[in-house]
Amino acid sequence: CHTSGMLTPNGKEYAQKIPREELTHLILKLLQAWKEPLSHFNQHIEHHQELPDDSLSKAKQISNMVHELKTGVEKSMGIISNSLNGMASSEGTGLSISNEASMMSDSDFIHCFRRDSNKVQSYLKILKCRIMPQNSC
């Protein structure tokens, strides 16, 4: 996976120990790392005539959801998107991530995306519990 070089906590108990700001930044880095690869993936599958329209629609929907989620996290946590866009490392927006992701097979790409989206979902649940502990977390 093109994001495997990113340091992420292994397991819920480790993620719960990370300060809120760092966990939010990690979520944003994961989402940013998928922005360009998802765009390339969408362009790639649009050229597959054998794919049903609902598969193409679903792929575009996923890309839009990632973009909206990134924007929502940035707004809700008061983080300016330029802080990520200005990062010099490959974790933010580097070409090595894009190139590595574009060379993966479709099944590997989907596997990696599912893995990272599960991480993001878990991290968001942890943040939600910190912000609104009354939700019986």
C-alpha atoms as a PDB file:
ATOM      1  CA  CYS A   1       0.000   0.000   0.000  1.00  0.00           C
ATOM      2  CA  HIS A   2       1.259   3.459  -0.824  1.00  0.00           C
ATOM      3  CA  THR A   3       0.436   4.659   2.701  1.00  0.00           C
ATOM      4  CA  SER A   4       2.205   1.830   4.523  1.00  0.00           C
ATOM      5  CA  GLY A   5       5.164   4.121   5.219  1.00  0.00           C
ATOM      6  CA  MET A   6       2.953   6.431   7.261  1.00  0.00           C
ATOM      7  CA  LEU A   7       3.244   5.902  10.984  1.00  0.00           C
ATOM      8  CA  THR A   8      -0.190   4.946  12.301  1.00  0.00           C
ATOM      9  CA  PRO A   9      -1.122   3.427  15.645  1.00  0.00           C
ATOM     10  CA  ASN A  10      -1.539  -0.347  15.700  1.00  0.00           C
ATOM     11  CA  GLY A  11      -4.816  -0.921  17.456  1.00  0.00           C
ATOM     12  CA  LYS A  12      -7.488   1.108  19.169  1.00  0.00           C
ATOM     13  CA  GLU A  13      -5.670   1.323  22.512  1.00  0.00           C
ATOM     14  CA  TYR A  14      -2.671   3.038  20.905  1.00  0.00           C
ATOM     15  CA  ALA A  15      -4.856   5.389  18.882  1.00  0.00           C
ATOM     16  CA  GLN A  16      -6.660   6.429  22.074  1.00  0.00           C
ATOM     17  CA  LYS A  17      -3.352   7.575  23.573  1.00  0.00           C
ATOM     18  CA  ILE A  18      -2.645  10.010  20.739  1.00  0.00           C
ATOM     19  CA  PRO A  19      -3.585  13.642  21.462  1.00  0.00           C
ATOM     20  CA  ARG A  20      -6.639  14.930  19.604  1.00  0.00           C
ATOM     21  CA  GLU A  21      -4.692  17.321  17.373  1.00  0.00           C
ATOM     22  CA  GLU A  22      -2.223  14.640  16.308  1.00  0.00           C
ATOM     23  CA  LEU A  23      -4.985  12.140  15.608  1.00  0.00           C
ATOM     24  CA  THR A  24      -6.834  14.740  13.542  1.00  0.00           C
ATOM     25  CA  HIS A  25      -3.657  15.502  11.608  1.00  0.00           C
ATOM     26  CA  LEU A  26      -3.151  11.770  10.976  1.00  0.00           C
ATOM     27  CA  ILE A  27      -6.694  11.477   9.606  1.00  0.00           C
ATOM     28  CA  LEU A  28      -6.062  14.400   7.286  1.00  0.00           C
ATOM     29  CA  LYS A  29      -2.754  12.925   6.090  1.00  0.00           C
ATOM     30  CA  LEU A  30      -4.464   9.616   5.254  1.00  0.00           C
ATOM     31  CA  LEU A  31      -7.275  11.378   3.409  1.00  0.00           C
ATOM     32  CA  GLN A  32      -4.827  13.609   1.536  1.00  0.00           C
ATOM     33  CA  ALA A  33      -2.733  10.596   0.557  1.00  0.00           C
ATOM     34  CA  TRP A  34      -5.788   9.102  -1.179  1.00  0.00           C
ATOM     35  CA  LYS A  35      -6.933  12.228  -3.019  1.00  0.00           C
ATOM     36  CA  GLU A  36      -4.767  11.904  -6.129  1.00  0.00           C
ATOM     37  CA  PRO A  37      -4.716   8.072  -6.312  1.00  0.00           C
ATOM     38  CA  LEU A  38      -8.522   7.992  -6.185  1.00  0.00           C
ATOM     39  CA  SER A  39      -8.673  10.547  -8.969  1.00  0.00           C
ATOM     40  CA  HIS A  40      -6.345   8.419 -11.113  1.00  0.00           C
ATOM     41  CA  PHE A  41      -8.316   5.297 -10.244  1.00  0.00           C
ATOM     42  CA  ASN A  42     -11.542   6.958 -11.371  1.00  0.00           C
ATOM     43  CA  GLN A  43      -9.945   7.945 -14.673  1.00  0.00           C
ATOM     44  CA  HIS A  44      -8.619   4.405 -15.079  1.00  0.00           C
ATOM     45  CA  ILE A  45     -11.946   2.663 -14.527  1.00  0.00           C
ATOM     46  CA  GLU A  46     -13.838   5.078 -16.770  1.00  0.00           C
ATOM     47  CA  HIS A  47     -11.970   3.488 -19.682  1.00  0.00           C
ATOM     48  CA  HIS A  48     -13.199  -0.020 -18.806  1.00  0.00           C
ATOM     49  CA  GLN A  49     -16.197  -0.516 -21.045  1.00  0.00           C
ATOM     50  CA  GLU A  50     -17.118  -3.799 -19.353  1.00  0.00           C
ATOM     51  CA  LEU A  51     -17.778  -2.169 -15.974  1.00  0.00           C
ATOM     52  CA  PRO A  52     -21.423  -1.486 -15.149  1.00  0.00           C
ATOM     53  CA  ASP A  53     -22.492   2.117 -14.718  1.00  0.00           C
ATOM     54  CA  ASP A  54     -23.230   1.582 -11.030  1.00  0.00           C
ATOM     55  CA  SER A  55     -19.568   0.611 -10.420  1.00  0.00           C
ATOM     56  CA  LEU A  56     -18.379   3.789 -12.102  1.00  0.00           C
ATOM     57  CA  SER A  57     -20.892   5.806 -10.126  1.00  0.00           C
ATOM     58  CA  LYS A  58     -19.786   4.177  -6.866  1.00  0.00           C
ATOM     59  CA  ALA A  59     -16.115   4.960  -7.554  1.00  0.00           C
ATOM     60  CA  LYS A  60     -16.918   8.629  -8.166  1.00  0.00           C
ATOM     61  CA  GLN A  61     -19.094   8.686  -5.078  1.00  0.00           C
ATOM     62  CA  ILE A  62     -16.223   7.336  -2.949  1.00  0.00           C
ATOM     63  CA  SER A  63     -13.850  10.006  -4.266  1.00  0.00           C
ATOM     64  CA  ASN A  64     -16.379  12.702  -3.493  1.00  0.00           C
ATOM     65  CA  MET A  65     -16.926  11.311   0.005  1.00  0.00           C
ATOM     66  CA  VAL A  66     -13.180  11.350   0.721  1.00  0.00           C
ATOM     67  CA  HIS A  67     -12.991  14.974  -0.419  1.00  0.00           C
ATOM     68  CA  GLU A  68     -16.033  15.970   1.652  1.00  0.00           C
ATOM     69  CA  LEU A  69     -14.741  14.104   4.697  1.00  0.00           C
ATOM     70  CA  LYS A  70     -11.354  15.813   4.448  1.00  0.00           C
ATOM     71  CA  THR A  71     -13.034  19.200   4.134  1.00  0.00           C
ATOM     72  CA  GLY A  72     -15.350  18.455   7.050  1.00  0.00           C
ATOM     73  CA  VAL A  73     -12.526  17.321   9.326  1.00  0.00           C
ATOM     74  CA  GLU A  74     -10.518  20.419   8.447  1.00  0.00           C
ATOM     75  CA  LYS A  75     -13.445  22.726   9.213  1.00  0.00           C
ATOM     76  CA  SER A  76     -14.614  20.998  12.372  1.00  0.00           C
ATOM     77  CA  MET A  77     -11.165  20.856  13.901  1.00  0.00           C
ATOM     78  CA  GLY A  78     -10.118  24.335  12.773  1.00  0.00           C
ATOM     79  CA  ILE A  79      -7.203  23.113  10.683  1.00  0.00           C
ATOM     80  CA  ILE A  80      -6.288  25.051   7.570  1.00  0.00           C
ATOM     81  CA  SER A  81      -5.895  22.878   4.491  1.00  0.00           C
ATOM     82  CA  ASN A  82      -2.715  24.725   3.542  1.00  0.00           C
ATOM     83  CA  SER A  83      -0.931  23.082   6.440  1.00  0.00           C
ATOM     84  CA  LEU A  84      -1.150  19.775   4.608  1.00  0.00           C
ATOM     85  CA  ASN A  85      -0.739  21.102   1.099  1.00  0.00           C
ATOM     86  CA  GLY A  86       2.506  22.762   2.121  1.00  0.00           C
ATOM     87  CA  MET A  87       4.052  19.606   3.530  1.00  0.00           C
ATOM     88  CA  ALA A  88       7.324  18.628   1.895  1.00  0.00           C
ATOM     89  CA  SER A  89       7.247  14.938   2.795  1.00  0.00           C
ATOM     90  CA  SER A  90       5.794  12.189   0.642  1.00  0.00           C
ATOM     91  CA  GLU A  91       3.245  11.521   3.358  1.00  0.00           C
ATOM     92  CA  GLY A  92       1.365  14.687   2.421  1.00  0.00           C
ATOM     93  CA  THR A  93       1.266  14.926  -1.336  1.00  0.00           C
ATOM     94  CA  GLY A  94       4.471  13.425  -2.676  1.00  0.00           C
ATOM     95  CA  LEU A  95       4.831  11.913  -6.114  1.00  0.00           C
ATOM     96  CA  SER A  96       6.189   8.646  -4.759  1.00  0.00           C
ATOM     97  CA  ILE A  97       2.827   7.909  -3.182  1.00  0.00           C
ATOM     98  CA  SER A  98       0.970   8.679  -6.401  1.00  0.00           C
ATOM     99  CA  ASN A  99       3.328   6.602  -8.536  1.00  0.00           C
ATOM    100  CA  GLU A 100       3.219   3.649  -6.165  1.00  0.00           C
ATOM    101  CA  ALA A 101      -0.569   3.758  -5.995  1.00  0.00           C
ATOM    102  CA  SER A 102      -0.936   3.951  -9.765  1.00  0.00           C
ATOM    103  CA  MET A 103       1.186   0.818 -10.228  1.00  0.00           C
ATOM    104  CA  MET A 104      -1.002  -1.323  -7.952  1.00  0.00           C
ATOM    105  CA  SER A 105      -3.518  -3.763  -9.346  1.00  0.00           C
ATOM    106  CA  ASP A 106      -7.172  -2.785  -8.927  1.00  0.00           C
ATOM    107  CA  SER A 107      -7.712  -5.420  -6.237  1.00  0.00           C
ATOM    108  CA  ASP A 108      -4.631  -4.285  -4.271  1.00  0.00           C
ATOM    109  CA  PHE A 109      -5.733  -0.676  -4.629  1.00  0.00           C
ATOM    110  CA  ILE A 110      -9.185  -1.474  -3.256  1.00  0.00           C
ATOM    111  CA  HIS A 111      -7.690  -3.566  -0.439  1.00  0.00           C
ATOM    112  CA  CYS A 112      -5.411  -0.687   0.601  1.00  0.00           C
ATOM    113  CA  PHE A 113      -8.207   1.848   0.375  1.00  0.00           C
ATOM    114  CA  ARG A 114     -10.442  -0.333   2.542  1.00  0.00           C
ATOM    115  CA  ARG A 115      -7.639  -0.742   5.092  1.00  0.00           C
ATOM    116  CA  ASP A 116      -7.043   3.001   5.321  1.00  0.00           C
ATOM    117  CA  SER A 117     -10.731   3.889   5.330  1.00  0.00           C
ATOM    118  CA  ASN A 118     -11.210   1.507   8.280  1.00  0.00           C
ATOM    119  CA  LYS A 119      -8.387   3.311  10.097  1.00  0.00           C
ATOM    120  CA  VAL A 120      -9.964   6.694   9.397  1.00  0.00           C
ATOM    121  CA  GLN A 121     -13.329   5.425  10.607  1.00  0.00           C
ATOM    122  CA  SER A 122     -11.789   4.125  13.853  1.00  0.00           C
ATOM    123  CA  TYR A 123      -9.875   7.355  14.460  1.00  0.00           C
ATOM    124  CA  LEU A 124     -13.014   9.415  13.843  1.00  0.00           C
ATOM    125  CA  LYS A 125     -14.931   7.300  16.374  1.00  0.00           C
ATOM    126  CA  ILE A 126     -12.211   7.935  18.950  1.00  0.00           C
ATOM    127  CA  LEU A 127     -12.365  11.683  18.268  1.00  0.00           C
ATOM    128  CA  LYS A 128     -16.148  11.632  18.503  1.00  0.00           C
ATOM    129  CA  CYS A 129     -15.965   9.947  21.897  1.00  0.00           C
ATOM    130  CA  ARG A 130     -13.485  12.539  23.127  1.00  0.00           C
ATOM    131  CA  ILE A 131     -15.609  15.422  21.916  1.00  0.00           C
ATOM    132  CA  MET A 132     -18.984  13.974  22.962  1.00  0.00           C
ATOM    133  CA  PRO A 133     -18.373  11.449  25.769  1.00  0.00           C
ATOM    134  CA  GLN A 134     -22.093  11.302  26.557  1.00  0.00           C
ATOM    135  CA  ASN A 135     -22.556   9.011  23.515  1.00  0.00           C
ATOM    136  CA  SER A 136     -21.640   5.997  25.701  1.00  0.00           C
ATOM    137  CA  CYS A 137     -18.363   5.236  23.982  1.00  0.00           C
END
